[in-house]
Amino acid sequence: MSLSRKRKKELQKLQKQAGNLWEAQQVLVGEAATVAREASRQLGNYGRERVAPQVQAGYDKYAAPYVDKGKQVFNGTVIPAAGAVVGSALSVWDAANEQRSRLASGRGFELPDSKKYGKKADKYAREATKYMSARLDRAAPQKRGMGAGGVIAIILGVAAAAGVLYAAWQTLRADDELWVADDPLRAPDA
């Protein structure tokens, strides 16, 4: 059973229309990819130029004062207290060593001089505080880089780019009834 000339012509016409549609879709997908790349680039620029400065300003206005206050409390209260504890411990250690050496040399037991060891404790505390403050300052240098605002801007940028790509995909995706060829370089045969 062969096809009539009319049916063959109709099938050839349909095949030609399908080929033209396929080529048009390939061009459209290429243009959509170009638009998506440009949108991504523009989104990055917008994030750097608009979002990041706003986030940084919000951080500087709302969070930075509390962070700075926390640093001041730590440096002004915690470190001196830790220095005092270390100084007292070293002073007790010195008193114990002195009593041990007195007992070892046969001079007997004597109560420690509180003024002498109080001065030593103050001296040790000052040295320990100075040492810990210097170590802390060296250990935590001021960093200039991306902070929480930068991370939030990047996340928002990625989410917006994903939204643009999803919208492009929804616009360009094929319906279930539309036939798509396996070989993108060849037009389908009728």
Protein backbone atom coordinates (compact mmCIF):
# COMPACT_ATOMS: atom_id res chain seq x y z
CA MET A 1 0.00 0.00 0.00
CA SER A 2 1.55 3.23 -1.14
CA LEU A 3 0.70 6.79 -0.34
CA SER A 4 -1.06 8.98 -2.79
CA ARG A 5 0.76 11.94 -4.28
CA LYS A 6 -1.40 14.29 -2.27
CA ARG A 7 -0.50 12.55 1.01
CA LYS A 8 3.19 12.51 0.08
CA LYS A 9 3.08 16.26 -0.63
CA GLU A 10 1.32 16.89 2.69
CA LEU A 11 3.90 14.80 4.55
CA GLN A 12 6.79 16.56 2.82
CA LYS A 13 5.21 19.93 3.68
CA LEU A 14 4.76 18.81 7.29
CA GLN A 15 8.36 17.57 7.39
CA LYS A 16 9.59 20.92 6.08
CA GLN A 17 7.49 22.80 8.68
CA ALA A 18 8.87 20.54 11.45
CA GLY A 19 12.42 21.23 10.22
CA ASN A 20 11.80 24.98 10.21
CA LEU A 21 10.28 24.78 13.69
CA TRP A 22 13.26 22.77 14.93
CA GLU A 23 15.71 25.34 13.55
CA ALA A 24 13.70 28.18 15.06
CA GLN A 25 13.71 26.42 18.45
CA GLN A 26 17.49 25.94 18.27
CA VAL A 27 17.96 29.65 17.53
CA LEU A 28 15.55 30.57 20.32
CA VAL A 29 17.34 28.32 22.85
CA GLY A 30 20.65 29.90 21.84
CA GLU A 31 19.24 33.38 22.34
CA ALA A 32 17.71 32.36 25.68
CA ALA A 33 21.12 31.12 26.85
CA THR A 34 22.64 34.47 25.84
CA VAL A 35 19.92 36.33 27.74
CA ALA A 36 20.43 34.12 30.81
CA ARG A 37 24.20 34.76 30.77
CA GLU A 38 23.65 38.50 30.48
CA ALA A 39 21.04 38.40 33.26
CA SER A 40 23.47 36.55 35.47
CA ARG A 41 26.19 39.12 34.78
CA GLN A 42 23.81 42.01 35.44
CA LEU A 43 22.61 40.34 38.63
CA GLY A 44 26.19 40.03 39.83
CA ASN A 45 26.80 43.70 39.08
CA TYR A 46 23.61 44.68 40.86
CA GLY A 47 24.61 42.62 43.89
CA ARG A 48 28.04 44.23 44.03
CA GLU A 49 26.86 47.77 43.37
CA ARG A 50 23.52 47.93 45.21
CA VAL A 51 22.90 45.01 47.54
CA ALA A 52 26.34 44.59 49.10
CA PRO A 53 26.68 48.26 50.13
CA GLN A 54 23.18 48.22 51.66
CA VAL A 55 23.91 45.04 53.58
CA GLN A 56 27.26 46.44 54.75
CA ALA A 57 25.57 49.68 55.85
CA GLY A 58 22.94 47.68 57.76
CA TYR A 59 25.65 45.64 59.44
CA ASP A 60 27.61 48.77 60.33
CA LYS A 61 24.48 50.45 61.70
CA TYR A 62 22.88 47.59 63.62
CA ALA A 63 25.36 44.80 64.36
CA ALA A 64 28.81 46.42 64.43
CA PRO A 65 28.23 48.47 67.62
CA TYR A 66 27.35 45.32 69.55
CA VAL A 67 30.28 43.40 68.13
CA ASP A 68 32.63 46.25 69.08
CA LYS A 69 31.11 46.43 72.57
CA GLY A 70 31.64 42.70 72.96
CA LYS A 71 35.29 43.10 71.97
CA GLN A 72 35.70 45.94 74.46
CA VAL A 73 34.15 43.89 77.25
CA PHE A 74 36.36 40.94 76.41
CA ASN A 75 39.54 43.03 76.24
CA GLY A 76 38.64 45.23 79.21
CA THR A 77 37.19 42.65 81.61
CA VAL A 78 37.91 39.06 80.67
CA ILE A 79 41.59 39.40 79.83
CA PRO A 80 42.50 41.37 83.00
CA ALA A 81 40.52 38.87 85.13
CA ALA A 82 42.32 35.97 83.50
CA GLY A 83 45.62 37.78 84.09
CA ALA A 84 44.76 38.21 87.77
CA VAL A 85 43.94 34.51 88.07
CA VAL A 86 47.22 33.54 86.42
CA GLY A 87 49.11 36.02 88.60
CA SER A 88 47.53 34.65 91.77
CA ALA A 89 48.31 31.09 90.73
CA LEU A 90 51.95 31.93 90.04
CA SER A 91 52.19 33.76 93.35
CA VAL A 92 50.88 30.71 95.21
CA TRP A 93 53.33 28.57 93.27
CA ASP A 94 56.21 30.84 94.36
CA ALA A 95 55.09 30.70 98.00
CA ALA A 96 54.91 26.91 97.86
CA ASN A 97 58.35 26.70 96.27
CA GLU A 98 59.80 29.01 98.91
CA GLN A 99 58.31 26.93 101.76
CA ARG A 100 59.59 23.75 100.13
CA SER A 101 63.10 25.19 99.86
CA ARG A 102 62.95 26.40 103.52
CA LEU A 103 61.93 22.96 104.69
CA ALA A 104 64.58 21.28 102.53
CA SER A 105 67.34 23.51 103.91
CA GLY A 106 66.24 22.82 107.51
CA ARG A 107 65.10 26.34 108.36
CA GLY A 108 61.62 25.15 109.33
CA PHE A 109 58.09 26.22 108.49
CA GLU A 110 57.25 29.92 108.29
CA LEU A 111 54.05 31.72 107.31
CA PRO A 112 54.39 33.46 103.94
CA ASP A 113 54.64 37.26 103.79
CA SER A 114 51.32 38.41 102.32
CA LYS A 115 52.64 41.80 101.13
CA LYS A 116 55.54 40.24 99.30
CA TYR A 117 53.36 37.69 97.53
CA GLY A 118 50.61 40.26 96.89
CA LYS A 119 53.16 42.38 95.01
CA LYS A 120 54.32 39.31 93.10
CA ALA A 121 50.71 38.42 92.25
CA ASP A 122 50.11 41.95 90.92
CA LYS A 123 53.30 41.80 88.88
CA TYR A 124 52.42 38.39 87.43
CA ALA A 125 48.88 39.56 86.70
CA ARG A 126 50.14 42.60 84.76
CA GLU A 127 52.57 40.47 82.79
CA ALA A 128 49.95 37.81 82.04
CA THR A 129 47.39 40.44 80.98
CA LYS A 130 49.91 42.13 78.71
CA TYR A 131 50.94 38.78 77.22
CA MET A 132 47.35 37.61 76.60
CA SER A 133 46.34 40.97 75.11
CA ALA A 134 49.31 40.89 72.74
CA ARG A 135 48.55 37.30 71.73
CA LEU A 136 44.89 38.10 71.15
CA ASP A 137 45.71 41.14 69.01
CA ARG A 138 48.10 39.07 66.87
CA ALA A 139 45.74 36.10 66.67
CA ALA A 140 42.72 38.09 65.44
CA PRO A 141 43.87 40.67 62.89
CA GLN A 142 41.27 42.90 61.31
CA LYS A 143 40.03 41.17 58.20
CA ARG A 144 38.84 42.96 55.13
CA GLY A 145 36.81 40.59 53.10
CA MET A 146 33.39 39.21 52.55
CA GLY A 147 31.24 39.20 55.62
CA ALA A 148 27.75 37.99 56.32
CA GLY A 149 26.30 40.64 54.01
CA GLY A 150 28.38 39.42 51.11
CA VAL A 151 27.29 35.85 51.67
CA ILE A 152 23.63 36.91 51.81
CA ALA A 153 24.05 38.92 48.59
CA ILE A 154 25.58 35.92 46.83
CA ILE A 155 22.77 33.64 48.00
CA LEU A 156 20.15 36.14 46.80
CA GLY A 157 21.98 36.49 43.47
CA VAL A 158 22.10 32.74 42.93
CA ALA A 159 18.41 32.44 43.83
CA ALA A 160 17.49 35.22 41.38
CA ALA A 161 19.59 33.65 38.62
CA ALA A 162 17.90 30.30 39.29
CA GLY A 163 14.52 32.04 39.02
CA VAL A 164 15.45 33.58 35.67
CA LEU A 165 16.66 30.22 34.36
CA TYR A 166 13.52 28.47 35.60
CA ALA A 167 11.31 31.07 33.90
CA ALA A 168 13.27 30.67 30.66
CA TRP A 169 12.96 26.91 30.90
CA GLN A 170 9.20 27.10 31.50
CA THR A 171 8.84 29.40 28.52
CA LEU A 172 10.94 27.31 26.17
CA ARG A 173 10.14 23.77 27.27
CA ALA A 174 8.37 21.46 24.86
CA ASP A 175 4.82 20.28 25.39
CA ASP A 176 4.10 16.56 25.64
CA GLU A 177 2.57 16.47 22.16
CA LEU A 178 5.50 18.20 20.47
CA TRP A 179 7.97 15.85 18.90
CA VAL A 180 11.67 16.52 19.49
CA ALA A 181 14.33 14.79 17.41
CA ASP A 182 17.19 12.86 19.01
CA ASP A 183 19.68 14.25 16.52
CA PRO A 184 19.77 18.08 16.77
CA LEU A 185 21.64 18.50 13.48
CA ARG A 186 19.20 16.61 11.28
CA ALA A 187 15.61 17.42 10.54
CA PRO A 188 13.16 14.57 11.24
CA ASP A 189 12.18 12.27 8.39
CA ALA A 190 8.53 11.88 7.39
